[in-house]
Protein backbone atom coordinates (compact mmCIF):
# COMPACT_ATOMS: atom_id res chain seq x y z
CA MET A 1 0.00 0.00 0.00
CA GLU A 2 1.33 3.39 -0.97
CA ILE A 3 0.42 6.07 1.55
CA VAL A 4 -0.18 9.61 0.34
CA TRP A 5 -0.09 12.16 3.13
CA ASP A 6 -2.23 15.29 3.14
CA GLU A 7 0.20 17.87 4.48
CA GLY A 8 -2.47 20.53 4.84
CA PRO A 9 -2.83 24.09 3.53
CA LEU A 10 0.43 25.26 5.14
CA ALA A 11 2.64 22.55 3.64
CA LYS A 12 4.49 25.04 1.44
CA LEU A 13 4.67 27.81 4.01
CA SER A 14 8.17 29.21 4.40
CA THR A 15 9.97 32.08 6.06
CA GLU A 16 10.84 33.45 2.63
CA GLY A 17 7.20 33.37 1.58
CA MET A 18 6.05 35.07 4.75
CA ARG A 19 8.73 37.74 4.41
CA GLU A 20 7.57 38.46 0.87
CA GLU A 21 3.92 38.66 1.96
CA TYR A 22 4.69 40.89 4.95
CA GLY A 23 6.78 43.18 2.79
CA ARG A 24 3.91 43.50 0.33
CA LEU A 25 1.45 44.33 3.11
CA ALA A 26 3.84 46.92 4.55
CA LYS A 27 3.66 48.93 1.32
CA ASP A 28 -0.03 49.62 1.90
CA ALA A 29 -1.49 51.56 4.79
CA GLY A 30 -3.21 49.14 7.14
CA ALA A 31 -5.68 49.97 9.87
CA PRO A 32 -4.90 53.39 11.37
CA ALA A 33 -3.60 52.87 14.90
CA ARG A 34 -2.72 56.46 15.75
CA LYS A 35 -2.41 59.83 14.04
CA GLU A 36 -1.19 63.22 15.19
CA GLY A 37 -1.21 66.20 12.84
CA ASN A 38 -0.73 65.97 9.08
CA ALA A 39 2.40 63.90 8.56
CA GLN A 40 1.96 63.64 4.80
CA GLN A 41 1.88 67.39 4.38
CA VAL A 42 5.04 67.82 6.45
CA PHE A 43 6.79 65.04 4.52
CA SER A 44 6.35 66.99 1.30
CA LYS A 45 8.24 69.90 2.85
CA ALA A 46 10.98 67.88 4.56
CA ALA A 47 14.58 68.71 3.62
CA LYS A 48 15.45 65.02 3.76
CA GLN A 49 13.48 61.79 3.89
CA LEU A 50 14.70 58.51 5.34
CA HIS A 51 13.14 55.11 4.61
CA ALA A 52 13.93 51.83 6.34
CA GLU A 53 12.45 48.37 6.75
CA TYR A 54 13.07 46.05 9.69
CA GLU A 55 12.02 42.47 10.34
CA VAL A 56 12.28 40.02 13.22
CA PRO A 57 11.52 36.27 13.03
CA PHE A 58 9.36 34.05 15.17
CA LEU A 59 11.20 33.73 18.48
CA ALA A 60 11.03 30.92 21.02
CA HIS A 61 11.18 32.01 24.64
CA ALA A 62 13.69 29.21 25.37
CA CYS A 63 13.63 29.76 29.13
CA MET A 64 16.66 28.48 31.02
CA GLU A 65 14.38 26.37 33.22
CA PRO A 66 12.25 23.94 31.17
CA LEU A 67 8.50 24.11 31.71
CA ASN A 68 7.54 22.04 34.73
CA CYS A 69 4.61 21.58 37.07
CA LEU A 70 4.10 19.54 40.26
CA VAL A 71 0.51 18.60 41.07
CA ASP A 72 -0.91 17.02 44.24
CA LEU A 73 -4.57 16.35 43.42
CA HIS A 74 -7.24 15.18 45.88
CA GLU A 75 -11.01 14.86 45.68
CA ASP A 76 -11.56 18.18 47.43
CA ARG A 77 -8.43 20.17 46.69
CA CYS A 78 -5.46 20.58 44.38
CA ASP A 79 -2.02 21.96 45.22
CA ILE A 80 0.21 23.06 42.37
CA TRP A 81 3.86 24.09 42.47
CA THR A 82 5.00 25.81 39.30
CA GLY A 83 6.78 28.92 38.09
CA THR A 84 3.94 30.85 36.52
CA GLN A 85 3.26 34.37 35.33
CA MET A 86 -0.52 34.02 35.24
CA GLN A 87 -1.70 32.44 38.47
CA THR A 88 -5.39 33.24 38.08
CA MET A 89 -5.65 31.75 34.60
CA ASP A 90 -3.65 28.69 35.67
CA ARG A 91 -5.83 28.18 38.73
CA ASN A 92 -9.00 28.36 36.64
CA ALA A 93 -7.62 25.95 34.05
CA ALA A 94 -6.51 23.51 36.74
CA ALA A 95 -9.94 23.63 38.39
CA ARG A 96 -11.64 22.94 35.08
CA VAL A 97 -9.46 19.91 34.33
CA ALA A 98 -9.66 18.56 37.90
CA GLY A 99 -13.42 19.02 38.20
CA LEU A 100 -13.05 21.41 41.14
CA ILE A 101 -13.96 25.03 41.78
CA PRO A 102 -11.13 27.62 41.59
CA GLU A 103 -11.24 28.16 45.37
CA GLN A 104 -10.16 24.53 45.82
CA VAL A 105 -6.97 25.06 43.84
CA LYS A 106 -3.87 26.57 45.42
CA ILE A 107 -0.94 27.76 43.32
CA HIS A 108 2.47 27.78 45.01
CA THR A 109 4.77 30.05 42.99
CA PRO A 110 8.50 29.46 43.50
CA PHE A 111 11.23 31.48 41.81
CA LEU A 112 11.45 30.55 38.16
CA GLY A 113 14.35 30.26 35.77
CA GLY A 114 12.99 32.61 33.15
CA GLY A 115 9.53 33.23 31.81
CA PHE A 116 9.53 36.15 29.36
CA GLY A 117 5.80 35.60 28.75
CA ARG A 118 6.00 31.86 27.97
CA ARG A 119 4.57 30.98 31.39
CA ALA A 120 1.69 33.40 30.88
CA ASN A 121 -0.50 31.95 28.15
CA PRO A 122 -4.30 31.90 28.50
CA GLN A 123 -4.46 28.18 27.70
CA SER A 124 -2.22 27.30 30.68
CA ASP A 125 -1.00 24.41 28.56
CA PHE A 126 1.70 22.87 30.75
CA VAL A 127 -0.32 23.32 33.95
CA ALA A 128 -3.50 21.82 32.48
CA GLU A 129 -1.46 18.92 31.11
CA ALA A 130 0.07 18.12 34.50
CA VAL A 131 -3.32 18.25 36.25
CA GLY A 132 -4.76 15.95 33.62
CA VAL A 133 -1.97 13.42 34.18
CA ALA A 134 -2.42 13.61 37.96
CA ARG A 135 -6.13 12.99 37.58
CA MET A 136 -5.46 9.88 35.50
CA VAL A 137 -2.77 8.27 37.68
CA LYS A 138 -4.33 9.44 40.98
CA LYS A 139 -0.93 10.22 42.47
CA PRO A 140 1.21 13.34 42.88
CA VAL A 141 2.82 14.07 39.53
CA LYS A 142 5.62 16.27 38.26
CA VAL A 143 5.65 16.93 34.54
CA ILE A 144 8.80 18.36 32.95
CA TRP A 145 8.87 19.37 29.30
CA THR A 146 11.95 18.46 27.30
CA ARG A 147 13.69 21.22 25.41
CA GLU A 148 12.51 19.58 22.19
CA ASP A 149 8.89 19.69 23.41
CA ASP A 150 9.26 23.35 24.31
CA MET A 151 10.67 24.27 20.90
CA LYS A 152 7.95 22.40 19.01
CA GLY A 153 4.99 23.19 21.24
CA GLY A 154 5.86 26.63 22.55
CA TYR A 155 4.03 29.91 22.09
CA TYR A 156 6.34 31.96 19.89
CA ARG A 157 6.76 35.71 19.73
CA PRO A 158 5.26 36.54 16.31
CA MET A 159 7.22 37.47 13.23
CA TRP A 160 7.06 41.23 12.60
CA TYR A 161 7.81 43.50 9.67
CA ASP A 162 8.13 47.27 10.09
CA ARG A 163 8.31 49.90 7.36
CA ILE A 164 9.32 53.36 8.58
CA ALA A 165 9.59 56.73 6.86
CA ALA A 166 11.02 59.81 8.60
CA GLY A 167 11.16 63.44 7.52
CA LEU A 168 13.97 65.74 8.67
CA ASP A 169 14.30 69.52 8.52
CA GLU A 170 17.44 71.35 7.38
CA GLN A 171 18.98 71.01 10.85
CA GLY A 172 18.42 67.25 10.87
CA ASN A 173 15.56 67.39 13.34
CA LEU A 174 12.79 64.84 13.06
CA ILE A 175 9.60 66.56 11.92
CA ALA A 176 7.44 63.72 10.52
CA TRP A 177 7.15 59.97 11.06
CA GLN A 178 5.15 57.22 9.37
CA HIS A 179 5.29 53.66 10.67
CA THR A 180 3.55 50.61 9.19
CA ILE A 181 3.59 47.43 11.31
CA VAL A 182 2.77 43.97 9.95
CA GLY A 183 2.35 40.93 12.16
CA GLN A 184 0.09 38.40 13.83
CA SER A 185 -2.13 39.52 16.72
CA ILE A 186 -1.13 38.26 20.16
CA LEU A 187 -4.40 38.96 21.96
CA SER A 188 -6.88 37.91 19.26
CA GLY A 189 -8.78 34.76 20.20
CA THR A 190 -7.78 34.95 23.87
CA PRO A 191 -9.79 36.12 26.91
CA PHE A 192 -7.96 39.44 26.49
CA ASP A 193 -9.12 39.93 22.90
CA PRO A 194 -9.89 43.67 22.53
CA LYS A 195 -12.37 42.89 19.72
CA LYS A 196 -10.99 45.81 17.75
CA GLU A 197 -9.40 46.20 14.35
CA VAL A 198 -6.15 47.23 16.04
CA ASP A 199 -4.67 44.98 18.71
CA PRO A 200 -3.04 47.43 21.19
CA ALA A 201 -0.37 44.84 22.01
CA SER A 202 0.73 44.90 18.36
CA VAL A 203 1.48 48.63 18.35
CA GLU A 204 2.56 49.08 21.96
CA GLY A 205 5.69 51.20 22.14
CA ALA A 206 5.32 52.50 18.58
CA GLY A 207 4.18 55.99 19.66
CA ILE A 208 6.72 58.81 19.72
CA SER A 209 6.77 62.35 21.09
CA LEU A 210 6.15 64.21 17.86
CA MET A 211 3.37 66.49 16.69
CA ARG A 212 3.07 64.88 13.25
CA PHE A 213 3.12 61.12 12.88
CA GLN A 214 1.04 58.17 11.65
CA ILE A 215 1.04 54.53 12.72
CA PHE A 216 -0.69 51.78 10.73
CA LEU A 217 -1.21 48.10 11.50
CA SER A 218 -1.78 45.15 9.16
CA THR A 219 -2.77 42.06 11.13
CA CYS A 220 -1.95 38.77 9.41
CA THR A 221 -3.75 35.44 9.53
CA ALA A 222 -2.84 33.32 12.57
CA LEU A 223 -0.36 30.62 11.55
CA ARG A 224 0.60 29.26 14.97
CA SER A 225 0.06 29.88 18.67
CA VAL A 226 1.85 33.04 19.76
CA SER A 227 2.34 35.07 22.92
CA GLN A 228 4.16 38.13 24.14
CA PHE A 229 7.92 38.09 24.55
CA CYS A 230 8.79 40.23 27.56
CA GLY A 231 12.15 41.88 27.07
CA GLY A 232 12.47 40.58 23.51
CA GLY A 233 11.21 43.59 21.57
CA LEU A 234 12.35 44.99 18.27
């Protein structure tokens, strides 16, 4: 028997293809995220214009300490020891998996060997997994992800593409700024989804102290699970 595998709609997806698509989107103004003054008018009068494009790839958090979770589950309570950045979400997820109410779950938070946002995902994946295992074996359980598991199953910081234009006066002072950002939304589809055309997490930090500037955002189709990367900005 000859087996023919259906590799799915993303079988031919590549970094090169995404870079080309993001670059194309960056040439068009996306959803307006912020505008101050008339930047286009000032650009036409600028003594010098500068144009630049920047890109960053998908990034794994790759915490020094692998994901791990210790669970002691009983019929009326659940104690969890794990380095977490989102205790409330983890407690709620653990209660749901264990068949308890959140008040019956206690999170013990020790110091952790790096998080950077990886231990703060709304799905509470590694915590829910450990509670599920403990419920099955009916014994205290400690689940430790391998580095390979973390690389394959992690929540990556999205790939981003930025196209920037700046206008300078004759003294070299910045007088106009236009910034187009292309990337996948971090908050969309999560309990923190702003339900807006512009995800504020996608343009956070893009504002500048200038009277005339524009910021646009083009949000791409979700290709994989992503999360914030604390301290890993552009």
